Every structure is written in structure tokens, then in C-alpha cells.
Amino acid sequence: MTKQKLWRINILLLALTGIFILVASRMTSGEQPDYDWQPTDNVPQIVKGMDLDQSFEFCGEELPMDNFDIRERLDRELTVNTYWHSSTILSIKSTMRFFPVMERILEEEGVPTDLKYIAVAESALRNAVSPAGAKGIWQFMKGTGNEYGLEINSEVDERYHLEKSTRAAAKYLRSLRQRFGSWANAAAAYNMGGGNMNKRLREQEADNYFELNLNEETSRYYFRLVAIKNILENPRAFGFYLDKEDYYKPLDDYTTEEVSEAIESWGGFAKERGISYRMLKVYNPWLIDSKLTNRAGKTYEIRLPRQ
């Protein structure tokens, strides 16, 4: 390397070092660098902070936004769910399919329709299975599902039945509200279990969710519900632009057939009715086996999509 090239490299390094020191000193002192970025084709999004200078409520209960801890916890969940693009946009698309059914049942059970957002937080409106064994859109454990009237066995699992699981969830949440005194407490108990919620309230000498120091998941849970509610009620305010045709259509164009006997093969049953096995399971996801023994002679309503 010639002396002239070496000299030029040293000059460049000195210049870069000077720029770095200048920027670092301004940031350390609290002064922001005078960047004037404008959106370009190479940066196709604008990432903004959340507007927290407003009131937030869930199930008619207002959050105490004068508390910095509550503001920051809500800020985290609004930010995560706003910029978690794929999951949030899929949840938004699913609302047209599931929310009308949920809202009707929640109203019939006399509980706030805001509780439908619990299903979004639990499963993103999908028949999910958790590592702990919770299943369905409402993520019921087997014991709790049985307690609230859901049939669960090797052939039928009504945790995957939208109407029946929603009604069970409404009754369960109403009982938690009666037990713990607020919907915030009820939501936390739904996530961590009533026994654990009662234990934490006692040992920490608290009476509400906002005073409790809980595990990471439950500590975030209620704020996630509030964030999901705000985003899904007004998606465009958070940068999600969907046309009506982008939403998933309700699965409401079907006929029903009562079945009271054993079914040797659901595949054969579907074929005889001119539909695929796949469509039979899409409309009846609670049928979890390829057959139905039905020794008790129970009557089931099977949905058949119209051709």
C-alpha cells in the first residue's frame, strides 16, 4: 500500500470517528440528531408510537391511565399487536366469521360482548392446541370444559364447537366476575386459573388486577385484551387497511342433519351427501375422529354445506 493511499484511509477513519463522537455526545445529552427522514420506496412503512392520551376501557371498566406503570404496560401491548402484522391482520380477517355468533351468545348470557376479545388473545380465533392441553378458540382445559357442559372424548370434542364453547366461556367468565368482583380480575383468573388468582390476591393483600405482581403472561394479559379491542374496533387507525372482500365469510350457508346412531365412517357419510370429508370437518370441527361410536344413542346435529 502506498503512503498516499494510507494517508487517505487515515483521513477517512478520522472523519468517521468524529461523526460518531458527535452523534453519541448529542444522544447522551438527550439531544436528538437532526434527522429528516422521509418515507421512500426502500422504507415502505412509518412506525409511530402509540397515542395513550385518551381513555381506554374494557367491559365498561375504565383503565386508570394516570398510573405510569399501567400506561407503559398498555403501550407495550398496543405496540406489539400493531406491528405484529401477520397475526393481527389474520385476526381482523376472521372477525366477520366469528364475532356475530359470539356477540349473540354473549348477549344471551348477559355478559359484555367485549369478552369476545379473550378468544382473540387465547387462540387468534383458531381451533388451537396449547402445550398444556387447552383446546379450541376459547382454550378450555378438559376439566373446565366438562364442568361447563362440553362433551370431550376421543371422538367428540365440543371445545371445537363454536356455539357451545362460546356459551361455556360466557358462563365461566360470569362466574369468575361474580367471584372476583371485576372483569379485569375475571380475565386474569381465566388466564391463570381461579385458584391461582385467589392465592395471589391473598398473599399480596390486594383486591384488583392492577395492584398484583403476576407471572409474565398474566401480567400482560388484560392489557393485551384492551390493545386487541382497540385495534380490531378501528383497524385503519393502526395501519390495517382491508376491504370488505378481504374478510373471511361466515360459515352460515348450510343444512343440518340429526344423527342418533353410530357412524362407521365420516368419509363415507360425507361422500353419500355429495361433500368432501374436509368440508365436513371444516363445518363440524368438533368431530375429531373418522367415526362415531355413539353407544349412548345421543343425537348430534351435523352441518352440511350447501352445494
Protein backbone atom coordinates (compact mmCIF):
# COMPACT_ATOMS: atom_id res chain seq x y z
CA MET A 1 0.00 0.00 0.00
CA THR A 2 1.42 3.40 -0.95
CA LYS A 3 1.84 6.19 1.56
CA GLN A 4 -0.74 8.28 -0.34
CA LYS A 5 -3.45 5.56 -0.02
CA LEU A 6 -2.60 5.04 3.64
CA TRP A 7 -2.92 8.77 4.25
CA ARG A 8 -6.37 8.86 2.60
CA ILE A 9 -7.59 5.92 4.68
CA ASN A 10 -6.41 7.59 7.90
CA ILE A 11 -8.23 10.81 6.97
CA LEU A 12 -11.47 8.85 6.30
CA LEU A 13 -11.22 6.99 9.60
CA LEU A 14 -10.67 10.24 11.48
CA ALA A 15 -13.71 11.80 9.82
CA LEU A 16 -15.95 8.82 10.67
CA THR A 17 -14.69 8.81 14.25
CA GLY A 18 -15.54 12.49 14.57
CA ILE A 19 -19.07 11.94 13.28
CA PHE A 20 -19.59 9.02 15.66
CA ILE A 21 -18.38 11.04 18.67
CA LEU A 22 -20.64 13.97 17.73
CA VAL A 23 -23.78 11.82 17.35
CA ALA A 24 -23.04 9.84 20.54
CA SER A 25 -22.49 13.00 22.58
CA ARG A 26 -25.77 14.53 21.37
CA MET A 27 -27.74 11.37 22.16
CA THR A 28 -26.12 11.04 25.59
CA SER A 29 -27.04 14.62 26.41
CA GLY A 30 -30.69 13.96 25.45
CA GLU A 31 -30.45 15.97 22.23
CA GLN A 32 -31.84 14.07 19.24
CA PRO A 33 -29.87 14.01 15.99
CA ASP A 34 -31.39 16.26 13.37
CA TYR A 35 -32.52 13.50 11.02
CA ASP A 36 -35.13 14.47 8.49
CA TRP A 37 -36.20 11.07 7.20
CA GLN A 38 -38.99 10.85 4.67
CA PRO A 39 -40.71 7.63 3.58
CA THR A 40 -39.17 6.19 0.44
CA ASP A 41 -39.60 3.06 -1.63
CA ASN A 42 -36.81 1.49 0.44
CA VAL A 43 -38.62 2.16 3.75
CA PRO A 44 -42.28 1.34 2.96
CA GLN A 45 -43.75 1.99 6.40
CA ILE A 46 -43.98 4.63 9.06
CA VAL A 47 -43.52 3.28 12.58
CA LYS A 48 -45.09 5.53 15.19
CA GLY A 49 -45.55 5.43 18.93
CA MET A 50 -48.97 4.79 20.44
CA ASP A 51 -51.35 7.57 21.45
CA LEU A 52 -52.01 6.99 25.14
CA ASP A 53 -53.56 10.39 25.87
CA GLN A 54 -57.11 9.08 25.75
CA SER A 55 -59.40 6.90 27.83
CA PHE A 56 -59.36 3.10 27.49
CA GLU A 57 -61.97 0.70 28.79
CA PHE A 58 -62.86 -2.97 28.68
CA CYS A 59 -66.27 -4.40 29.53
CA GLY A 60 -67.29 -0.93 30.70
CA GLU A 61 -64.42 -0.68 33.20
CA GLU A 62 -62.03 2.22 32.61
CA LEU A 63 -58.28 1.81 32.96
CA PRO A 64 -56.55 4.13 35.48
CA MET A 65 -54.32 5.81 32.90
CA ASP A 66 -52.83 8.24 35.42
CA ASN A 67 -50.62 5.37 36.62
CA PHE A 68 -47.31 5.27 34.70
CA ASP A 69 -46.98 1.50 35.12
CA ILE A 70 -50.39 0.90 33.56
CA ARG A 71 -49.62 3.30 30.71
CA GLU A 72 -46.36 1.54 29.91
CA ARG A 73 -47.89 -1.94 30.08
CA LEU A 74 -50.70 -0.92 27.73
CA ASP A 75 -48.19 0.84 25.46
CA ARG A 76 -46.26 -2.43 25.13
CA GLU A 77 -49.32 -4.44 24.09
CA LEU A 78 -50.61 -1.81 21.67
CA THR A 79 -47.18 -1.63 20.06
CA VAL A 80 -46.64 -5.41 19.87
CA ASN A 81 -50.07 -6.13 18.39
CA THR A 82 -49.97 -3.18 15.98
CA TYR A 83 -46.63 -4.20 14.49
CA TRP A 84 -47.18 -7.96 14.71
CA HIS A 85 -48.61 -7.66 11.22
CA SER A 86 -49.32 -11.23 10.11
CA SER A 87 -51.08 -12.37 13.28
CA THR A 88 -53.11 -9.19 13.73
CA ILE A 89 -54.31 -8.95 10.13
CA LEU A 90 -55.41 -12.61 10.17
CA SER A 91 -57.38 -11.97 13.36
CA ILE A 92 -59.03 -8.94 11.75
CA LYS A 93 -59.99 -11.03 8.71
CA SER A 94 -61.57 -13.68 10.97
CA THR A 95 -63.82 -11.28 12.87
CA MET A 96 -66.61 -11.35 10.26
CA ARG A 97 -66.80 -15.14 10.53
CA PHE A 98 -66.82 -15.46 14.31
CA PHE A 99 -67.82 -12.23 16.05
CA PRO A 100 -71.53 -12.14 15.07
CA VAL A 101 -72.04 -15.63 16.54
CA MET A 102 -70.06 -14.80 19.67
CA GLU A 103 -71.78 -11.48 20.25
CA ARG A 104 -75.24 -13.06 20.02
CA ILE A 105 -74.38 -15.75 22.58
CA LEU A 106 -72.59 -13.35 24.96
CA GLU A 107 -75.66 -11.08 24.90
CA GLU A 108 -77.96 -14.05 25.55
CA GLU A 109 -75.80 -14.97 28.56
CA GLY A 110 -75.92 -11.41 29.90
CA VAL A 111 -72.19 -10.67 29.74
CA PRO A 112 -70.34 -7.87 27.87
CA THR A 113 -69.60 -8.54 24.22
CA ASP A 114 -66.06 -7.23 24.80
CA LEU A 115 -65.33 -10.70 26.16
CA LYS A 116 -65.04 -11.93 22.56
CA TYR A 117 -61.57 -10.39 22.53
CA ILE A 118 -60.50 -13.07 25.01
CA ALA A 119 -60.92 -15.59 22.20
CA VAL A 120 -58.61 -13.48 20.01
CA ALA A 121 -55.96 -13.34 22.74
CA GLU A 122 -56.29 -17.03 23.50
CA SER A 123 -56.24 -18.51 20.00
CA ALA A 124 -56.28 -15.76 17.33
CA LEU A 125 -59.77 -17.14 16.52
CA ARG A 126 -58.41 -20.54 15.56
CA ASN A 127 -59.00 -24.01 16.97
CA ALA A 128 -55.59 -24.06 18.56
CA VAL A 129 -53.99 -26.56 20.96
CA SER A 130 -51.73 -25.26 23.72
CA PRO A 131 -48.71 -27.11 25.14
CA ALA A 132 -50.70 -27.51 28.38
CA GLY A 133 -53.58 -29.21 26.56
CA ALA A 134 -56.05 -26.32 26.31
CA LYS A 135 -58.05 -26.57 23.09
CA GLY A 136 -60.37 -24.65 20.82
CA ILE A 137 -61.00 -21.00 20.16
CA TRP A 138 -61.61 -20.36 23.87
CA GLN A 139 -58.73 -22.62 25.01
CA PHE A 140 -60.59 -24.71 27.56
CA MET A 141 -58.76 -27.30 29.61
CA LYS A 142 -60.60 -30.62 29.68
CA GLY A 143 -61.70 -30.36 33.32
CA THR A 144 -63.14 -26.87 32.97
CA GLY A 145 -64.80 -27.81 29.68
CA ASN A 146 -66.51 -30.78 31.31
CA GLU A 147 -67.56 -28.62 34.26
CA TYR A 148 -69.35 -26.23 31.89
CA GLY A 149 -71.15 -28.90 29.91
CA LEU A 150 -68.84 -29.64 26.98
CA GLU A 151 -68.60 -33.22 25.74
CA ILE A 152 -64.96 -34.24 25.43
CA ASN A 153 -63.86 -37.72 24.45
CA SER A 154 -61.83 -39.50 21.76
CA GLU A 155 -64.50 -38.94 19.08
CA VAL A 156 -66.21 -35.68 20.03
CA ASP A 157 -64.59 -32.56 21.46
CA GLU A 158 -67.01 -29.67 21.88
CA ARG A 159 -64.19 -27.31 22.79
CA TYR A 160 -64.02 -27.02 18.99
CA HIS A 161 -67.76 -26.27 18.70
CA LEU A 162 -68.07 -22.50 18.26
CA GLU A 163 -71.54 -22.01 19.73
CA LYS A 164 -71.25 -24.48 22.60
CA SER A 165 -67.74 -23.38 23.63
CA THR A 166 -68.70 -19.70 23.47
CA ARG A 167 -71.71 -20.33 25.72
CA ALA A 168 -69.50 -22.28 28.13
CA ALA A 169 -66.93 -19.46 28.14
CA ALA A 170 -69.64 -16.87 28.85
CA LYS A 171 -70.89 -18.86 31.84
CA TYR A 172 -67.37 -19.45 33.12
CA LEU A 173 -66.41 -15.78 32.81
CA ARG A 174 -69.64 -14.70 34.51
CA SER A 175 -68.82 -16.97 37.45
CA LEU A 176 -65.30 -15.54 37.65
CA ARG A 177 -66.71 -11.99 37.63
CA GLN A 178 -69.05 -12.88 40.49
CA ARG A 179 -66.19 -14.46 42.42
CA PHE A 180 -63.52 -11.79 41.92
CA GLY A 181 -65.56 -8.60 41.60
CA SER A 182 -64.39 -7.09 38.27
CA TRP A 183 -63.95 -8.06 34.66
CA ALA A 184 -60.22 -7.27 34.88
CA ASN A 185 -59.88 -9.77 37.74
CA ALA A 186 -62.08 -12.27 35.87
CA ALA A 187 -59.93 -12.05 32.74
CA ALA A 188 -56.77 -12.63 34.77
CA ALA A 189 -58.40 -15.61 36.50
CA TYR A 190 -59.43 -17.00 33.12
CA ASN A 191 -55.79 -16.91 32.07
CA MET A 192 -54.10 -18.19 35.24
CA GLY A 193 -56.91 -20.13 36.93
CA GLY A 194 -59.25 -19.09 39.72
CA GLY A 195 -57.25 -20.84 42.42
CA ASN A 196 -54.03 -19.10 41.47
CA MET A 197 -55.78 -15.74 41.21
CA ASN A 198 -57.29 -16.14 44.68
CA LYS A 199 -53.91 -17.12 46.11
CA ARG A 200 -52.13 -14.08 44.61
CA LEU A 201 -54.82 -11.66 45.85
CA ARG A 202 -54.48 -13.09 49.36
CA GLU A 203 -50.71 -13.24 49.61
CA GLN A 204 -50.20 -9.76 48.11
CA GLU A 205 -53.07 -8.25 50.14
CA ALA A 206 -54.58 -6.72 47.00
CA ASP A 207 -58.10 -6.54 45.66
CA ASN A 208 -57.62 -5.77 41.97
CA TYR A 209 -55.57 -6.89 38.99
CA PHE A 210 -53.66 -3.63 38.60
CA GLU A 211 -52.08 -3.96 42.07
CA LEU A 212 -50.88 -7.51 41.52
CA ASN A 213 -47.38 -8.64 40.59
CA LEU A 214 -48.06 -11.71 38.46
CA ASN A 215 -46.34 -14.06 36.06
CA GLU A 216 -45.29 -12.55 32.72
CA GLU A 217 -48.21 -13.92 30.70
CA THR A 218 -51.00 -12.90 33.08
CA SER A 219 -49.35 -9.57 33.84
CA ARG A 220 -49.64 -8.73 30.13
CA TYR A 221 -52.95 -10.49 29.51
CA TYR A 222 -55.53 -7.84 30.36
CA PHE A 223 -53.56 -5.11 28.58
CA ARG A 224 -53.36 -7.34 25.54
CA LEU A 225 -57.17 -7.61 25.58
CA VAL A 226 -57.51 -3.83 25.68
CA ALA A 227 -54.98 -3.46 22.87
CA ILE A 228 -56.69 -6.07 20.69
CA LYS A 229 -60.06 -4.43 21.27
CA ASN A 230 -58.80 -1.02 20.20
CA ILE A 231 -57.02 -2.33 17.10
CA LEU A 232 -59.87 -4.57 15.91
CA GLU A 233 -62.53 -1.91 16.50
CA ASN A 234 -60.66 0.62 14.36
CA PRO A 235 -58.02 -1.18 12.26
CA ARG A 236 -57.29 1.74 9.94
CA ALA A 237 -56.23 3.90 12.87
CA PHE A 238 -53.44 1.35 13.39
CA GLY A 239 -52.46 0.99 9.73
CA PHE A 240 -54.54 -2.05 8.72
CA TYR A 241 -56.47 -1.37 5.52
CA LEU A 242 -58.84 -4.15 4.47
CA ASP A 243 -61.69 -4.11 2.01
CA LYS A 244 -64.92 -5.97 2.74
CA GLU A 245 -63.96 -8.82 0.41
CA ASP A 246 -60.74 -9.38 2.38
CA TYR A 247 -62.66 -10.66 5.41
CA TYR A 248 -63.43 -14.36 5.83
CA LYS A 249 -67.11 -15.06 5.18
CA PRO A 250 -69.31 -16.63 7.87
CA LEU A 251 -69.90 -20.37 7.58
CA ASP A 252 -73.67 -19.90 7.70
CA ASP A 253 -74.82 -21.43 4.40
CA TYR A 254 -75.55 -25.00 5.50
CA THR A 255 -78.27 -27.51 6.26
CA THR A 256 -78.35 -29.74 9.35
CA GLU A 257 -78.91 -33.44 9.72
CA GLU A 258 -79.58 -35.18 13.02
CA VAL A 259 -77.51 -38.28 13.71
CA SER A 260 -78.53 -40.61 16.57
CA GLU A 261 -76.80 -43.79 15.50
CA ALA A 262 -73.22 -44.92 15.12
CA ILE A 263 -71.34 -43.70 12.05
CA GLU A 264 -68.81 -46.24 10.81
CA SER A 265 -67.04 -43.75 8.55
CA TRP A 266 -67.45 -39.98 8.35
CA GLY A 267 -65.73 -40.19 4.98
CA GLY A 268 -68.49 -42.44 3.67
CA PHE A 269 -71.12 -40.26 5.35
CA ALA A 270 -69.75 -37.18 3.57
CA LYS A 271 -69.47 -38.91 0.21
CA GLU A 272 -73.09 -40.07 0.34
CA ARG A 273 -74.15 -36.45 0.80
CA GLY A 274 -72.05 -35.11 -2.02
CA ILE A 275 -69.46 -33.25 0.07
CA SER A 276 -65.82 -33.89 0.89
CA TYR A 277 -64.53 -35.21 4.21
CA ARG A 278 -62.55 -31.98 4.51
CA MET A 279 -65.67 -29.81 4.24
CA LEU A 280 -67.49 -32.00 6.74
CA LYS A 281 -64.70 -31.33 9.24
CA VAL A 282 -64.50 -27.59 8.41
CA TYR A 283 -68.20 -27.20 9.27
CA ASN A 284 -68.03 -29.65 12.21
CA PRO A 285 -64.52 -29.36 13.70
CA TRP A 286 -65.74 -30.90 16.96
CA LEU A 287 -65.92 -34.30 15.21
CA ILE A 288 -62.33 -35.27 15.94
CA ASP A 289 -62.32 -38.92 14.81
CA SER A 290 -63.07 -40.63 11.50
CA LYS A 291 -66.05 -42.43 13.06
CA LEU A 292 -68.73 -42.07 15.74
CA THR A 293 -69.42 -44.98 18.09
CA ASN A 294 -72.29 -43.23 19.93
CA ARG A 295 -73.09 -46.09 22.31
CA ALA A 296 -75.40 -43.81 24.31
CA GLY A 297 -77.55 -43.06 21.26
CA LYS A 298 -77.11 -39.32 21.69
CA THR A 299 -78.48 -37.02 18.97
CA TYR A 300 -75.96 -34.80 17.21
CA GLU A 301 -76.63 -32.01 14.72
CA ILE A 302 -74.28 -32.29 11.75
CA ARG A 303 -73.83 -29.28 9.47
CA LEU A 304 -73.68 -29.92 5.74
CA PRO A 305 -72.52 -27.06 3.48
CA ARG A 306 -74.92 -26.31 0.65
CA GLN A 307 -73.69 -27.32 -2.80
